């Protein structure tokens, strides 16, 4: 049973063979790759509509080589520990690397799961839908997630914009949110190679309105990039790519290898509506 709702009127969407339709006859076609576009123009940013093709492909190429494998394992283990069946939403799922891994982990443990992935980038969700046919993927903003109130048992969000009010809305009472954010030394050596005066990442306080922190784990290790293609792929999938001048980009392009720290905070919250 689908938990998707119409982004126009908020009514429940029913899936037909090739589309999703609400009682008011708003209809949304399922793309050939398998995802549905539920992104309204008024929910898009003024200039950037999610990751572009370059960033999506760079992230795909980089992740498939296993550089963030330790993070993927820790995430899947945390999901398996806290998810006991039901509905799981990946808010800001990108090209589905982590969504697919979570699906495989839950299948392995024979945990019943109805999994949804949402991302504002149509390019990313198209790639995600091609990766995993048994997950429902939709193009939509994480600030306007097209799913029913109190319908989700778990929400996962990695490096995506945070919208606490919306996340609280779709999670059931006592529902679980797992969040991954960069910690202070994430990609420190890469930043040293690019900038004259690099700054450590600011890690904000863990306290979030509507949630209670029930677990945290820091995942920190060094990756070795021995090809310029991999260095550029990592750089292209970060926000630094669009904030860096030509001179700084040329510094990175001159490197034949790069050893850099990856540093993540894996945070587990439970809905607390008091």
Protein backbone atom coordinates (compact mmCIF):
# COMPACT_ATOMS: atom_id res chain seq x y z
CA UNK A 1 0.00 0.00 0.00
CA UNK A 2 1.47 3.35 -1.07
CA UNK A 3 1.91 6.18 1.43
CA UNK A 4 2.49 8.74 -1.32
CA UNK A 5 0.22 11.77 -1.45
CA UNK A 6 -0.61 14.21 -4.21
CA UNK A 7 1.69 17.25 -4.07
CA UNK A 8 -1.14 19.42 -5.44
CA UNK A 9 -4.04 18.63 -3.07
CA UNK A 10 -2.58 16.30 -0.43
CA UNK A 11 -4.93 13.41 -1.19
CA UNK A 12 -3.65 9.84 -1.21
CA UNK A 13 -2.14 8.62 -4.47
CA UNK A 14 -3.09 5.24 -5.90
CA UNK A 15 -0.71 3.54 -8.31
CA UNK A 16 -1.98 2.30 -11.64
CA UNK A 17 0.13 0.48 -14.20
CA UNK A 18 1.89 3.60 -15.47
CA UNK A 19 0.96 6.45 -13.14
CA UNK A 20 -0.12 7.64 -9.71
CA UNK A 21 -3.60 9.20 -9.48
CA UNK A 22 -5.43 10.94 -6.63
CA UNK A 23 -9.23 11.14 -6.06
CA UNK A 24 -9.23 14.62 -7.64
CA UNK A 25 -7.70 13.14 -10.81
CA UNK A 26 -4.29 14.76 -10.50
CA UNK A 27 -2.08 12.29 -12.33
CA UNK A 28 1.69 11.70 -12.27
CA UNK A 29 3.32 9.39 -14.78
CA UNK A 30 5.89 6.80 -13.77
CA UNK A 31 9.07 7.28 -15.80
CA UNK A 32 10.48 4.42 -17.82
CA UNK A 33 13.25 4.04 -15.22
CA UNK A 34 10.61 3.59 -12.50
CA UNK A 35 10.52 6.83 -10.50
CA UNK A 36 7.63 9.27 -10.25
CA UNK A 37 8.07 13.03 -10.46
CA UNK A 38 6.12 14.66 -7.61
CA UNK A 39 8.17 17.87 -7.62
CA UNK A 40 6.12 21.03 -8.16
CA UNK A 41 7.81 24.10 -9.61
CA UNK A 42 6.91 26.14 -6.51
CA UNK A 43 8.90 23.67 -4.37
CA UNK A 44 12.09 24.10 -6.39
CA UNK A 45 14.92 26.45 -5.49
CA UNK A 46 15.29 29.62 -7.53
CA UNK A 47 18.50 28.54 -9.25
CA UNK A 48 19.57 25.00 -8.34
CA UNK A 49 17.18 22.05 -8.56
CA UNK A 50 19.27 19.48 -6.72
CA UNK A 51 22.53 17.91 -7.82
CA UNK A 52 23.27 18.19 -11.52
CA UNK A 53 24.45 15.42 -13.83
CA UNK A 54 28.14 16.08 -13.12
CA UNK A 55 27.73 15.84 -9.35
CA UNK A 56 25.47 12.78 -9.52
CA UNK A 57 27.83 10.89 -11.83
CA UNK A 58 30.88 11.89 -9.80
CA UNK A 59 29.28 10.66 -6.58
CA UNK A 60 28.18 7.42 -8.23
CA UNK A 61 31.68 6.72 -9.59
CA UNK A 62 33.33 7.56 -6.27
CA UNK A 63 30.97 5.60 -4.02
CA UNK A 64 31.04 2.51 -6.20
CA UNK A 65 34.78 2.19 -5.49
CA UNK A 66 34.03 1.67 -1.80
CA UNK A 67 35.76 4.69 -0.29
CA UNK A 68 32.79 5.29 2.02
CA UNK A 69 32.24 1.60 2.67
CA UNK A 70 32.87 1.96 6.40
CA UNK A 71 30.14 4.57 6.62
CA UNK A 72 27.75 2.42 4.61
CA UNK A 73 28.30 -0.55 6.93
CA UNK A 74 27.85 1.55 10.08
CA UNK A 75 24.68 3.07 8.68
CA UNK A 76 23.20 -0.29 7.70
CA UNK A 77 24.06 -1.79 11.08
CA UNK A 78 22.40 1.14 12.86
CA UNK A 79 19.30 0.84 10.70
CA UNK A 80 19.06 -2.91 11.33
CA UNK A 81 19.43 -2.37 15.08
CA UNK A 82 16.62 0.20 15.27
CA UNK A 83 14.21 -0.84 12.50
CA UNK A 84 11.81 -3.66 13.23
CA UNK A 85 9.68 -3.60 10.12
CA UNK A 86 7.35 -1.11 8.46
CA UNK A 87 8.00 1.97 6.34
CA UNK A 88 11.40 3.60 5.84
CA UNK A 89 12.03 6.85 3.95
CA UNK A 90 15.43 8.03 2.71
CA UNK A 91 15.07 11.83 2.54
CA UNK A 92 17.65 13.15 0.09
CA UNK A 93 18.48 9.71 -1.29
CA UNK A 94 20.63 10.88 -4.20
CA UNK A 95 21.45 8.12 -6.64
CA UNK A 96 20.40 5.45 -4.14
CA UNK A 97 23.77 4.08 -3.00
CA UNK A 98 22.85 4.00 0.69
CA UNK A 99 19.14 3.32 0.06
CA UNK A 100 19.98 0.16 -1.87
CA UNK A 101 22.46 -0.95 0.81
CA UNK A 102 19.81 -0.51 3.52
CA UNK A 103 17.36 -2.52 1.43
CA UNK A 104 19.89 -5.35 1.02
CA UNK A 105 20.70 -5.35 4.75
CA UNK A 106 17.03 -5.59 5.73
CA UNK A 107 16.40 -8.32 3.16
CA UNK A 108 19.38 -10.22 4.56
CA UNK A 109 17.90 -10.04 8.06
CA UNK A 110 14.42 -10.91 6.69
CA UNK A 111 12.99 -7.66 8.08
CA UNK A 112 9.83 -6.58 6.28
CA UNK A 113 10.33 -3.10 4.85
CA UNK A 114 8.52 -0.77 2.50
CA UNK A 115 11.27 1.62 1.39
CA UNK A 116 10.92 5.03 -0.27
CA UNK A 117 13.63 7.33 -1.59
CA UNK A 118 13.05 11.05 -2.18
CA UNK A 119 15.38 13.57 -3.80
CA UNK A 120 14.94 16.93 -5.51
CA UNK A 121 17.30 15.90 -8.33
CA UNK A 122 15.42 14.06 -11.07
CA UNK A 123 18.77 12.94 -12.49
CA UNK A 124 19.67 11.32 -9.16
CA UNK A 125 16.35 9.56 -8.58
CA UNK A 126 16.35 8.25 -12.13
CA UNK A 127 19.71 6.62 -11.46
CA UNK A 128 18.42 5.32 -8.12
CA UNK A 129 15.33 3.80 -9.72
CA UNK A 130 17.48 1.97 -12.25
CA UNK A 131 19.62 0.62 -9.42
CA UNK A 132 16.79 -0.89 -7.34
CA UNK A 133 13.39 -1.75 -8.82
CA UNK A 134 11.83 -2.85 -5.52
CA UNK A 135 12.20 0.59 -3.89
CA UNK A 136 9.78 3.44 -4.61
CA UNK A 137 11.66 6.55 -5.72
CA UNK A 138 10.13 10.00 -6.18
CA UNK A 139 11.49 13.37 -7.24
CA UNK A 140 10.43 15.77 -4.49
CA UNK A 141 11.81 18.30 -2.04
CA UNK A 142 12.69 17.18 1.49
CA UNK A 143 10.84 20.32 2.62
CA UNK A 144 7.66 18.99 0.99
CA UNK A 145 7.89 15.19 1.27
CA UNK A 146 4.85 13.73 -0.54
CA UNK A 147 3.94 11.08 2.04
CA UNK A 148 1.14 10.83 4.59
CA UNK A 149 1.32 12.19 8.13
CA UNK A 150 2.53 9.72 10.78
CA UNK A 151 3.14 7.04 8.15
CA UNK A 152 6.84 6.24 8.57
CA UNK A 153 8.65 4.12 11.13
CA UNK A 154 12.12 5.38 10.19
CA UNK A 155 13.62 8.29 8.26
CA UNK A 156 17.22 8.30 7.08
CA UNK A 157 18.93 11.51 5.95
CA UNK A 158 22.56 11.75 4.82
CA UNK A 159 24.20 15.09 4.01
CA UNK A 160 20.79 16.49 3.02
CA UNK A 161 19.07 19.72 4.08
CA UNK A 162 17.39 19.38 7.47
CA UNK A 163 13.67 20.06 7.82
CA UNK A 164 12.70 19.05 11.33
CA UNK A 165 9.05 20.02 11.07
CA UNK A 166 8.54 17.93 7.93
CA UNK A 167 10.51 14.98 9.27
CA UNK A 168 8.43 15.04 12.47
CA UNK A 169 5.22 15.22 10.42
CA UNK A 170 5.80 12.01 8.48
CA UNK A 171 7.25 9.94 11.34
CA UNK A 172 5.01 7.99 13.68
CA UNK A 173 5.14 8.52 17.44
CA UNK A 174 8.42 7.07 18.72
CA UNK A 175 9.63 6.84 15.11
CA UNK A 176 13.38 6.81 14.47
CA UNK A 177 15.48 9.28 12.49
CA UNK A 178 19.05 8.43 11.52
CA UNK A 179 21.13 11.37 10.35
CA UNK A 180 24.66 11.51 8.94
CA UNK A 181 26.54 14.81 8.90
CA UNK A 182 30.19 15.71 8.23
CA UNK A 183 32.29 16.07 11.37
CA UNK A 184 34.98 18.69 11.93
CA UNK A 185 37.88 17.02 10.07
CA UNK A 186 35.94 15.72 7.06
CA UNK A 187 38.15 16.03 3.94
CA UNK A 188 40.65 18.12 5.92
CA UNK A 189 43.70 17.25 3.81
CA UNK A 190 41.81 17.95 0.60
CA UNK A 191 40.92 21.40 1.94
CA UNK A 192 44.55 21.95 2.93
CA UNK A 193 45.60 21.15 -0.63
CA UNK A 194 43.13 23.65 -2.07
CA UNK A 195 42.92 26.59 0.32
CA UNK A 196 45.55 28.85 1.87
CA UNK A 197 43.58 29.02 5.13
CA UNK A 198 41.29 26.00 5.45
CA UNK A 199 38.67 25.85 8.19
CA UNK A 200 37.40 22.86 10.11
CA UNK A 201 33.71 22.05 9.78
CA UNK A 202 31.44 23.44 12.47
CA UNK A 203 29.47 20.66 14.15
CA UNK A 204 26.25 22.15 15.49
CA UNK A 205 24.68 21.06 18.80
CA UNK A 206 22.94 17.69 18.60
CA UNK A 207 19.72 18.90 20.24
CA UNK A 208 16.81 19.05 17.77
CA UNK A 209 13.27 20.21 18.48
CA UNK A 210 10.79 17.34 18.39
CA UNK A 211 13.49 14.68 18.72
CA UNK A 212 15.45 12.97 21.47
CA UNK A 213 19.03 11.86 20.77
CA UNK A 214 19.34 8.15 21.58
CA UNK A 215 22.64 7.26 19.93
CA UNK A 216 25.73 8.75 18.30
CA UNK A 217 28.78 7.34 16.59
CA UNK A 218 31.79 9.04 15.03
CA UNK A 219 33.22 7.36 11.97
CA UNK A 220 36.71 8.67 11.13
CA UNK A 221 39.36 7.12 8.93
CA UNK A 222 41.75 7.92 6.06
CA UNK A 223 41.15 7.14 2.40
CA UNK A 224 43.90 7.00 -0.21
CA UNK A 225 43.05 8.29 -3.66
CA UNK A 226 45.70 7.11 -6.10
CA UNK A 227 44.20 8.44 -9.33
CA UNK A 228 43.39 11.97 -10.43
CA UNK A 229 39.98 10.78 -11.63
CA UNK A 230 39.08 9.72 -8.09
CA UNK A 231 40.36 12.99 -6.61
CA UNK A 232 38.24 14.96 -9.06
CA UNK A 233 35.21 12.72 -8.45
CA UNK A 234 35.43 13.37 -4.70
CA UNK A 235 35.88 17.10 -5.27
CA UNK A 236 32.99 17.28 -7.75
CA UNK A 237 30.53 15.68 -5.34
CA UNK A 238 31.19 18.29 -2.64
CA UNK A 239 29.87 21.85 -2.29
CA UNK A 240 33.48 23.07 -2.53
CA UNK A 241 33.39 22.46 -6.28
CA UNK A 242 31.18 25.51 -6.82
CA UNK A 243 32.87 27.68 -4.20
CA UNK A 244 36.44 27.30 -5.43
CA UNK A 245 38.29 29.50 -7.91
CA UNK A 246 40.36 28.36 -10.87
CA UNK A 247 43.68 28.71 -9.05
CA UNK A 248 42.54 26.45 -6.21
CA UNK A 249 41.07 23.92 -8.64
CA UNK A 250 44.39 23.80 -10.49
CA UNK A 251 46.17 22.95 -7.25
CA UNK A 252 43.99 19.90 -6.85
CA UNK A 253 44.32 18.95 -10.51
CA UNK A 254 48.11 18.84 -10.10
CA UNK A 255 47.95 16.10 -7.45
CA UNK A 256 48.68 12.52 -8.50
CA UNK A 257 47.42 11.09 -5.19
CA UNK A 258 45.70 12.31 -2.10
CA UNK A 259 45.36 10.84 1.39
CA UNK A 260 42.53 12.54 3.22
CA UNK A 261 40.48 12.08 6.37
CA UNK A 262 36.81 11.24 6.11
CA UNK A 263 34.98 12.14 9.28
CA UNK A 264 31.27 11.57 9.92
CA UNK A 265 28.75 11.87 12.75
CA UNK A 266 26.08 9.15 12.69
CA UNK A 267 23.24 10.32 14.93
CA UNK A 268 20.13 8.38 15.98
CA UNK A 269 17.03 10.23 17.20
CA UNK A 270 13.57 9.23 18.35
CA UNK A 271 10.49 11.37 17.86
CA UNK A 272 9.54 13.14 21.10
CA UNK A 273 6.44 15.28 20.67
CA UNK A 274 6.28 16.51 24.27
